[in-house]
Amino acid sequence: MQQHNFYGDLEDYVCQMEKQQAQSAADADDVFAQLARKEKDLILAAELGKALLEKNEEISRANERLTEEYSQQLEVSP
């Protein structure tokens, strides 16, 4: 996952949350609308969590690779 897409998705999420807060005042009595928003929030939170996990795994793999390369360089150097 590209860093730009992740941060773009995060910015979209923040914008959606701001819109929802404004909208929730308008339809506070509409239980079905609230339930639909909560479901969308849950799905979005799961997607963001998955994206964070994938990014973390990508960074961990890169870190392991760099550590291995550095160790090999130390072994070769006199």
PDB file of N, CA and C in Angstrom:
ATOM      1  N   MET A   1       0.838  -1.176   0.000  1.00  0.00           N
ATOM      2  CA  MET A   1       0.000   0.000   0.000  1.00  0.00           C
ATOM      3  C   MET A   1       0.884   1.240   0.000  1.00  0.00           C
ATOM      4  N   GLN A   2       0.534   2.176  -0.836  1.00  0.00           N
ATOM      5  CA  GLN A   2       1.341   3.375  -0.926  1.00  0.00           C
ATOM      6  C   GLN A   2       0.993   4.317   0.217  1.00  0.00           C
ATOM      7  N   GLN A   3       2.009   5.057   0.663  1.00  0.00           N
ATOM      8  CA  GLN A   3       1.818   5.979   1.774  1.00  0.00           C
ATOM      9  C   GLN A   3       0.798   7.053   1.408  1.00  0.00           C
ATOM     10  N   HIS A   4       0.846   7.533   0.169  1.00  0.00           N
ATOM     11  CA  HIS A   4      -0.074   8.583  -0.264  1.00  0.00           C
ATOM     12  C   HIS A   4      -1.517   8.101  -0.154  1.00  0.00           C
ATOM     13  N   ASN A   5      -1.806   6.891  -0.619  1.00  0.00           N
ATOM     14  CA  ASN A   5      -3.166   6.367  -0.558  1.00  0.00           C
ATOM     15  C   ASN A   5      -3.630   6.229   0.874  1.00  0.00           C
ATOM     16  N   PHE A   6      -2.758   5.760   1.750  1.00  0.00           N
ATOM     17  CA  PHE A   6      -3.125   5.587   3.152  1.00  0.00           C
ATOM     18  C   PHE A   6      -3.519   6.924   3.764  1.00  0.00           C
ATOM     19  N   TYR A   7      -2.681   7.941   3.576  1.00  0.00           N
ATOM     20  CA  TYR A   7      -2.982   9.241   4.155  1.00  0.00           C
ATOM     21  C   TYR A   7      -4.180   9.883   3.467  1.00  0.00           C
ATOM     22  N   GLY A   8      -4.342   9.630   2.188  1.00  0.00           N
ATOM     23  CA  GLY A   8      -5.531  10.122   1.488  1.00  0.00           C
ATOM     24  C   GLY A   8      -6.792   9.508   2.055  1.00  0.00           C
ATOM     25  N   ASP A   9      -6.760   8.198   2.315  1.00  0.00           N
ATOM     26  CA  ASP A   9      -7.906   7.524   2.917  1.00  0.00           C
ATOM     27  C   ASP A   9      -8.175   8.070   4.307  1.00  0.00           C
ATOM     28  N   LEU A  10      -7.133   8.334   5.050  1.00  0.00           N
ATOM     29  CA  LEU A  10      -7.288   8.867   6.401  1.00  0.00           C
ATOM     30  C   LEU A  10      -7.905  10.261   6.361  1.00  0.00           C
ATOM     31  N   GLU A  11      -7.469  11.087   5.414  1.00  0.00           N
ATOM     32  CA  GLU A  11      -8.049  12.422   5.272  1.00  0.00           C
ATOM     33  C   GLU A  11      -9.515  12.329   4.882  1.00  0.00           C
ATOM     34  N   ASP A  12      -9.837  11.394   3.984  1.00  0.00           N
ATOM     35  CA  ASP A  12     -11.233  11.185   3.599  1.00  0.00           C
ATOM     36  C   ASP A  12     -12.069  10.787   4.803  1.00  0.00           C
ATOM     37  N   TYR A  13     -11.515   9.923   5.633  1.00  0.00           N
ATOM     38  CA  TYR A  13     -12.220   9.472   6.833  1.00  0.00           C
ATOM     39  C   TYR A  13     -12.509  10.647   7.765  1.00  0.00           C
ATOM     40  N   VAL A  14     -11.514  11.492   7.981  1.00  0.00           N
ATOM     41  CA  VAL A  14     -11.694  12.645   8.865  1.00  0.00           C
ATOM     42  C   VAL A  14     -12.766  13.577   8.302  1.00  0.00           C
ATOM     43  N   CYS A  15     -12.739  13.808   7.002  1.00  0.00           N
ATOM     44  CA  CYS A  15     -13.758  14.665   6.381  1.00  0.00           C
ATOM     45  C   CYS A  15     -15.146  14.062   6.548  1.00  0.00           C
ATOM     46  N   GLN A  16     -15.254  12.753   6.352  1.00  0.00           N
ATOM     47  CA  GLN A  16     -16.544  12.084   6.519  1.00  0.00           C
ATOM     48  C   GLN A  16     -17.045  12.209   7.948  1.00  0.00           C
ATOM     49  N   MET A  17     -16.147  12.062   8.907  1.00  0.00           N
ATOM     50  CA  MET A  17     -16.547  12.166  10.313  1.00  0.00           C
ATOM     51  C   MET A  17     -17.051  13.576  10.634  1.00  0.00           C
ATOM     52  N   GLU A  18     -16.398  14.589  10.082  1.00  0.00           N
ATOM     53  CA  GLU A  18     -16.841  15.960  10.318  1.00  0.00           C
ATOM     54  C   GLU A  18     -18.227  16.187   9.722  1.00  0.00           C
ATOM     55  N   LYS A  19     -18.462  15.659   8.521  1.00  0.00           N
ATOM     56  CA  LYS A  19     -19.777  15.785   7.897  1.00  0.00           C
ATOM     57  C   LYS A  19     -20.835  15.052   8.708  1.00  0.00           C
ATOM     58  N   GLN A  20     -20.479  13.885   9.214  1.00  0.00           N
ATOM     59  CA  GLN A  20     -21.434  13.096   9.986  1.00  0.00           C
ATOM     60  C   GLN A  20     -21.818  13.791  11.278  1.00  0.00           C
ATOM     61  N   GLN A  21     -20.875  14.441  11.914  1.00  0.00           N
ATOM     62  CA  GLN A  21     -21.187  15.151  13.152  1.00  0.00           C
ATOM     63  C   GLN A  21     -22.193  16.262  12.891  1.00  0.00           C
ATOM     64  N   ALA A  22     -22.024  16.968  11.788  1.00  0.00           N
ATOM     65  CA  ALA A  22     -22.964  18.027  11.441  1.00  0.00           C
ATOM     66  C   ALA A  22     -24.329  17.436  11.095  1.00  0.00           C
ATOM     67  N   GLN A  23     -24.308  16.317  10.405  1.00  0.00           N
ATOM     68  CA  GLN A  23     -25.550  15.680   9.984  1.00  0.00           C
ATOM     69  C   GLN A  23     -26.269  15.032  11.160  1.00  0.00           C
ATOM     70  N   SER A  24     -25.537  14.527  12.130  1.00  0.00           N
ATOM     71  CA  SER A  24     -26.162  13.823  13.251  1.00  0.00           C
ATOM     72  C   SER A  24     -27.067  14.743  14.060  1.00  0.00           C
ATOM     73  N   ALA A  25     -26.758  16.011  14.105  1.00  0.00           N
ATOM     74  CA  ALA A  25     -27.627  16.957  14.800  1.00  0.00           C
ATOM     75  C   ALA A  25     -28.960  17.084  14.068  1.00  0.00           C
ATOM     76  N   ALA A  26     -28.909  17.012  12.738  1.00  0.00           N
ATOM     77  CA  ALA A  26     -30.118  17.168  11.939  1.00  0.00           C
ATOM     78  C   ALA A  26     -31.055  15.976  12.071  1.00  0.00           C
ATOM     79  N   ASP A  27     -30.497  14.771  12.143  1.00  0.00           N
ATOM     80  CA  ASP A  27     -31.368  13.594  12.189  1.00  0.00           C
ATOM     81  C   ASP A  27     -31.098  12.734  13.427  1.00  0.00           C
ATOM     82  N   ALA A  28     -30.971  13.382  14.565  1.00  0.00           N
ATOM     83  CA  ALA A  28     -30.672  12.668  15.804  1.00  0.00           C
ATOM     84  C   ALA A  28     -31.766  11.677  16.166  1.00  0.00           C
ATOM     85  N   ASP A  29     -32.981  11.928  15.742  1.00  0.00           N
ATOM     86  CA  ASP A  29     -34.090  11.033  16.067  1.00  0.00           C
ATOM     87  C   ASP A  29     -34.200   9.862  15.101  1.00  0.00           C
ATOM     88  N   ASP A  30     -33.498   9.903  14.001  1.00  0.00           N
ATOM     89  CA  ASP A  30     -33.600   8.841  12.999  1.00  0.00           C
ATOM     90  C   ASP A  30     -32.647   7.702  13.356  1.00  0.00           C
ATOM     91  N   VAL A  31     -33.174   6.696  14.036  1.00  0.00           N
ATOM     92  CA  VAL A  31     -32.366   5.577  14.519  1.00  0.00           C
ATOM     93  C   VAL A  31     -31.762   4.792  13.365  1.00  0.00           C
ATOM     94  N   PHE A  32     -32.507   4.626  12.300  1.00  0.00           N
ATOM     95  CA  PHE A  32     -32.004   3.847  11.169  1.00  0.00           C
ATOM     96  C   PHE A  32     -30.840   4.552  10.482  1.00  0.00           C
ATOM     97  N   ALA A  33     -30.893   5.855  10.390  1.00  0.00           N
ATOM     98  CA  ALA A  33     -29.782   6.610   9.803  1.00  0.00           C
ATOM     99  C   ALA A  33     -28.549   6.490  10.693  1.00  0.00           C
ATOM    100  N   GLN A  34     -28.758   6.553  12.001  1.00  0.00           N
ATOM    101  CA  GLN A  34     -27.637   6.406  12.927  1.00  0.00           C
ATOM    102  C   GLN A  34     -27.021   5.019  12.818  1.00  0.00           C
ATOM    103  N   LEU A  35     -27.867   4.000  12.723  1.00  0.00           N
ATOM    104  CA  LEU A  35     -27.375   2.633  12.594  1.00  0.00           C
ATOM    105  C   LEU A  35     -26.582   2.457  11.301  1.00  0.00           C
ATOM    106  N   ALA A  36     -27.072   3.032  10.210  1.00  0.00           N
ATOM    107  CA  ALA A  36     -26.364   2.943   8.931  1.00  0.00           C
ATOM    108  C   ALA A  36     -25.009   3.635   9.020  1.00  0.00           C
ATOM    109  N   ARG A  37     -24.957   4.796   9.679  1.00  0.00           N
ATOM    110  CA  ARG A  37     -23.681   5.504   9.832  1.00  0.00           C
ATOM    111  C   ARG A  37     -22.711   4.699  10.687  1.00  0.00           C
ATOM    112  N   LYS A  38     -23.222   4.105  11.751  1.00  0.00           N
ATOM    113  CA  LYS A  38     -22.357   3.292  12.622  1.00  0.00           C
ATOM    114  C   LYS A  38     -21.793   2.107  11.852  1.00  0.00           C
ATOM    115  N   GLU A  39     -22.617   1.500  11.011  1.00  0.00           N
ATOM    116  CA  GLU A  39     -22.144   0.373  10.211  1.00  0.00           C
ATOM    117  C   GLU A  39     -21.063   0.823   9.234  1.00  0.00           C
ATOM    118  N   LYS A  40     -21.273   1.969   8.588  1.00  0.00           N
ATOM    119  CA  LYS A  40     -20.261   2.501   7.676  1.00  0.00           C
ATOM    120  C   LYS A  40     -18.977   2.821   8.426  1.00  0.00           C
ATOM    121  N   ASP A  41     -19.111   3.393   9.631  1.00  0.00           N
ATOM    122  CA  ASP A  41     -17.937   3.706  10.448  1.00  0.00           C
ATOM    123  C   ASP A  41     -17.168   2.441  10.807  1.00  0.00           C
ATOM    124  N   LEU A  42     -17.901   1.398  11.147  1.00  0.00           N
ATOM    125  CA  LEU A  42     -17.269   0.132  11.515  1.00  0.00           C
ATOM    126  C   LEU A  42     -16.504  -0.462  10.336  1.00  0.00           C
ATOM    127  N   ILE A  43     -17.112  -0.432   9.164  1.00  0.00           N
ATOM    128  CA  ILE A  43     -16.450  -0.955   7.963  1.00  0.00           C
ATOM    129  C   ILE A  43     -15.208  -0.124   7.645  1.00  0.00           C
ATOM    130  N   LEU A  44     -15.335   1.181   7.731  1.00  0.00           N
ATOM    131  CA  LEU A  44     -14.196   2.058   7.447  1.00  0.00           C
ATOM    132  C   LEU A  44     -13.081   1.848   8.464  1.00  0.00           C
ATOM    133  N   ALA A  45     -13.445   1.682   9.730  1.00  0.00           N
ATOM    134  CA  ALA A  45     -12.437   1.427  10.764  1.00  0.00           C
ATOM    135  C   ALA A  45     -11.708   0.115  10.495  1.00  0.00           C
ATOM    136  N   ALA A  46     -12.442  -0.898  10.042  1.00  0.00           N
ATOM    137  CA  ALA A  46     -11.817  -2.177   9.714  1.00  0.00           C
ATOM    138  C   ALA A  46     -10.859  -2.019   8.537  1.00  0.00           C
ATOM    139  N   GLU A  47     -11.269  -1.262   7.528  1.00  0.00           N
ATOM    140  CA  GLU A  47     -10.403  -1.036   6.368  1.00  0.00           C
ATOM    141  C   GLU A  47      -9.144  -0.268   6.766  1.00  0.00           C
ATOM    142  N   LEU A  48      -9.304   0.745   7.604  1.00  0.00           N
ATOM    143  CA  LEU A  48      -8.137   1.508   8.061  1.00  0.00           C
ATOM    144  C   LEU A  48      -7.218   0.641   8.916  1.00  0.00           C
ATOM    145  N   GLY A  49      -7.805  -0.188   9.761  1.00  0.00           N
ATOM    146  CA  GLY A  49      -7.001  -1.104  10.571  1.00  0.00           C
ATOM    147  C   GLY A  49      -6.213  -2.063   9.710  1.00  0.00           C
ATOM    148  N   LYS A  50      -6.868  -2.581   8.676  1.00  0.00           N
ATOM    149  CA  LYS A  50      -6.191  -3.496   7.754  1.00  0.00           C
ATOM    150  C   LYS A  50      -5.054  -2.773   7.032  1.00  0.00           C
ATOM    151  N   ALA A  51      -5.307  -1.540   6.603  1.00  0.00           N
ATOM    152  CA  ALA A  51      -4.271  -0.764   5.913  1.00  0.00           C
ATOM    153  C   ALA A  51      -3.085  -0.503   6.837  1.00  0.00           C
ATOM    154  N   LEU A  52      -3.373  -0.192   8.101  1.00  0.00           N
ATOM    155  CA  LEU A  52      -2.288   0.022   9.064  1.00  0.00           C
ATOM    156  C   LEU A  52      -1.483  -1.248   9.279  1.00  0.00           C
ATOM    157  N   LEU A  53      -2.170  -2.370   9.385  1.00  0.00           N
ATOM    158  CA  LEU A  53      -1.489  -3.647   9.571  1.00  0.00           C
ATOM    159  C   LEU A  53      -0.601  -3.968   8.375  1.00  0.00           C
ATOM    160  N   GLU A  54      -1.119  -3.762   7.157  1.00  0.00           N
ATOM    161  CA  GLU A  54      -0.331  -4.017   5.953  1.00  0.00           C
ATOM    162  C   GLU A  54       0.892  -3.108   5.902  1.00  0.00           C
ATOM    163  N   LYS A  55       0.710  -1.838   6.246  1.00  0.00           N
ATOM    164  CA  LYS A  55       1.833  -0.894   6.235  1.00  0.00           C
ATOM    165  C   LYS A  55       2.873  -1.300   7.269  1.00  0.00           C
ATOM    166  N   ASN A  56       2.421  -1.721   8.442  1.00  0.00           N
ATOM    167  CA  ASN A  56       3.324  -2.170   9.494  1.00  0.00           C
ATOM    168  C   ASN A  56       4.119  -3.389   9.033  1.00  0.00           C
ATOM    169  N   GLU A  57       3.446  -4.338   8.395  1.00  0.00           N
ATOM    170  CA  GLU A  57       4.139  -5.527   7.898  1.00  0.00           C
ATOM    171  C   GLU A  57       5.160  -5.159   6.831  1.00  0.00           C
ATOM    172  N   GLU A  58       4.799  -4.227   5.956  1.00  0.00           N
ATOM    173  CA  GLU A  58       5.718  -3.766   4.910  1.00  0.00           C
ATOM    174  C   GLU A  58       6.960  -3.128   5.527  1.00  0.00           C
ATOM    175  N   ILE A  59       6.762  -2.289   6.517  1.00  0.00           N
ATOM    176  CA  ILE A  59       7.886  -1.629   7.187  1.00  0.00           C
ATOM    177  C   ILE A  59       8.743  -2.654   7.925  1.00  0.00           C
ATOM    178  N   SER A  60       8.110  -3.634   8.552  1.00  0.00           N
ATOM    179  CA  SER A  60       8.856  -4.677   9.266  1.00  0.00           C
ATOM    180  C   SER A  60       9.721  -5.485   8.308  1.00  0.00           C
ATOM    181  N   ARG A  61       9.162  -5.835   7.141  1.00  0.00           N
ATOM    182  CA  ARG A  61       9.948  -6.579   6.144  1.00  0.00           C
ATOM    183  C   ARG A  61      11.132  -5.749   5.662  1.00  0.00           C
ATOM    184  N   ALA A  62      10.909  -4.468   5.411  1.00  0.00           N
ATOM    185  CA  ALA A  62      11.999  -3.596   4.964  1.00  0.00           C
ATOM    186  C   ALA A  62      13.066  -3.480   6.047  1.00  0.00           C
ATOM    187  N   ASN A  63      12.643  -3.390   7.283  1.00  0.00           N
ATOM    188  CA  ASN A  63      13.582  -3.305   8.400  1.00  0.00           C
ATOM    189  C   ASN A  63      14.409  -4.584   8.506  1.00  0.00           C
ATOM    190  N   GLU A  64      13.774  -5.729   8.382  1.00  0.00           N
ATOM    191  CA  GLU A  64      14.499  -7.005   8.431  1.00  0.00           C
ATOM    192  C   GLU A  64      15.510  -7.102   7.299  1.00  0.00           C
ATOM    193  N   ARG A  65      15.089  -6.676   6.101  1.00  0.00           N
ATOM    194  CA  ARG A  65      15.985  -6.722   4.942  1.00  0.00           C
ATOM    195  C   ARG A  65      17.199  -5.827   5.164  1.00  0.00           C
ATOM    196  N   LEU A  66      16.971  -4.619   5.668  1.00  0.00           N
ATOM    197  CA  LEU A  66      18.082  -3.701   5.922  1.00  0.00           C
ATOM    198  C   LEU A  66      19.009  -4.227   7.010  1.00  0.00           C
ATOM    199  N   THR A  67      18.438  -4.831   8.032  1.00  0.00           N
ATOM    200  CA  THR A  67      19.250  -5.412   9.105  1.00  0.00           C
ATOM    201  C   THR A  67      20.116  -6.532   8.565  1.00  0.00           C
ATOM    202  N   GLU A  68      19.536  -7.354   7.699  1.00  0.00           N
ATOM    203  CA  GLU A  68      20.286  -8.456   7.097  1.00  0.00           C
ATOM    204  C   GLU A  68      21.420  -7.925   6.224  1.00  0.00           C
ATOM    205  N   GLU A  69      21.117  -6.920   5.399  1.00  0.00           N
ATOM    206  CA  GLU A  69      22.143  -6.336   4.535  1.00  0.00           C
ATOM    207  C   GLU A  69      23.274  -5.727   5.369  1.00  0.00           C
ATOM    208  N   TYR A  70      22.923  -5.043   6.423  1.00  0.00           N
ATOM    209  CA  TYR A  70      23.927  -4.423   7.286  1.00  0.00           C
ATOM    210  C   TYR A  70      24.790  -5.489   7.957  1.00  0.00           C
ATOM    211  N   SER A  71      24.163  -6.560   8.421  1.00  0.00           N
ATOM    212  CA  SER A  71      24.916  -7.655   9.052  1.00  0.00           C
ATOM    213  C   SER A  71      25.890  -8.283   8.065  1.00  0.00           C
ATOM    214  N   GLN A  72      25.452  -8.457   6.824  1.00  0.00           N
ATOM    215  CA  GLN A  72      26.326  -9.036   5.806  1.00  0.00           C
ATOM    216  C   GLN A  72      27.498  -8.108   5.517  1.00  0.00           C
ATOM    217  N   GLN A  73      27.253  -6.814   5.494  1.00  0.00           N
ATOM    218  CA  GLN A  73      28.332  -5.860   5.259  1.00  0.00           C
ATOM    219  C   GLN A  73      29.339  -5.893   6.404  1.00  0.00           C
ATOM    220  N   LEU A  74      28.868  -6.049   7.610  1.00  0.00           N
ATOM    221  CA  LEU A  74      29.776  -6.132   8.756  1.00  0.00           C
ATOM    222  C   LEU A  74      30.631  -7.391   8.692  1.00  0.00           C
ATOM    223  N   GLU A  75      30.047  -8.491   8.238  1.00  0.00           N
ATOM    224  CA  GLU A  75      30.787  -9.747   8.136  1.00  0.00           C
ATOM    225  C   GLU A  75      31.859  -9.675   7.063  1.00  0.00           C
ATOM    226  N   VAL A  76      31.588  -8.973   5.981  1.00  0.00           N
ATOM    227  CA  VAL A  76      32.522  -8.876   4.860  1.00  0.00           C
ATOM    228  C   VAL A  76      33.628  -7.874   5.153  1.00  0.00           C
ATOM    229  N   SER A  77      33.331  -6.817   5.866  1.00  0.00           N
ATOM    230  CA  SER A  77      34.320  -5.768   6.150  1.00  0.00           C
ATOM    231  C   SER A  77      35.398  -6.294   7.088  1.00  0.00           C
ATOM    232  N   PRO A  78      36.679  -5.925   6.783  1.00  0.00           N
ATOM    233  CA  PRO A  78      37.788  -6.374   7.646  1.00  0.00           C
ATOM    234  C   PRO A  78      37.848  -5.611   8.945  1.00  0.00           C
TER     235      PRO A  78
END
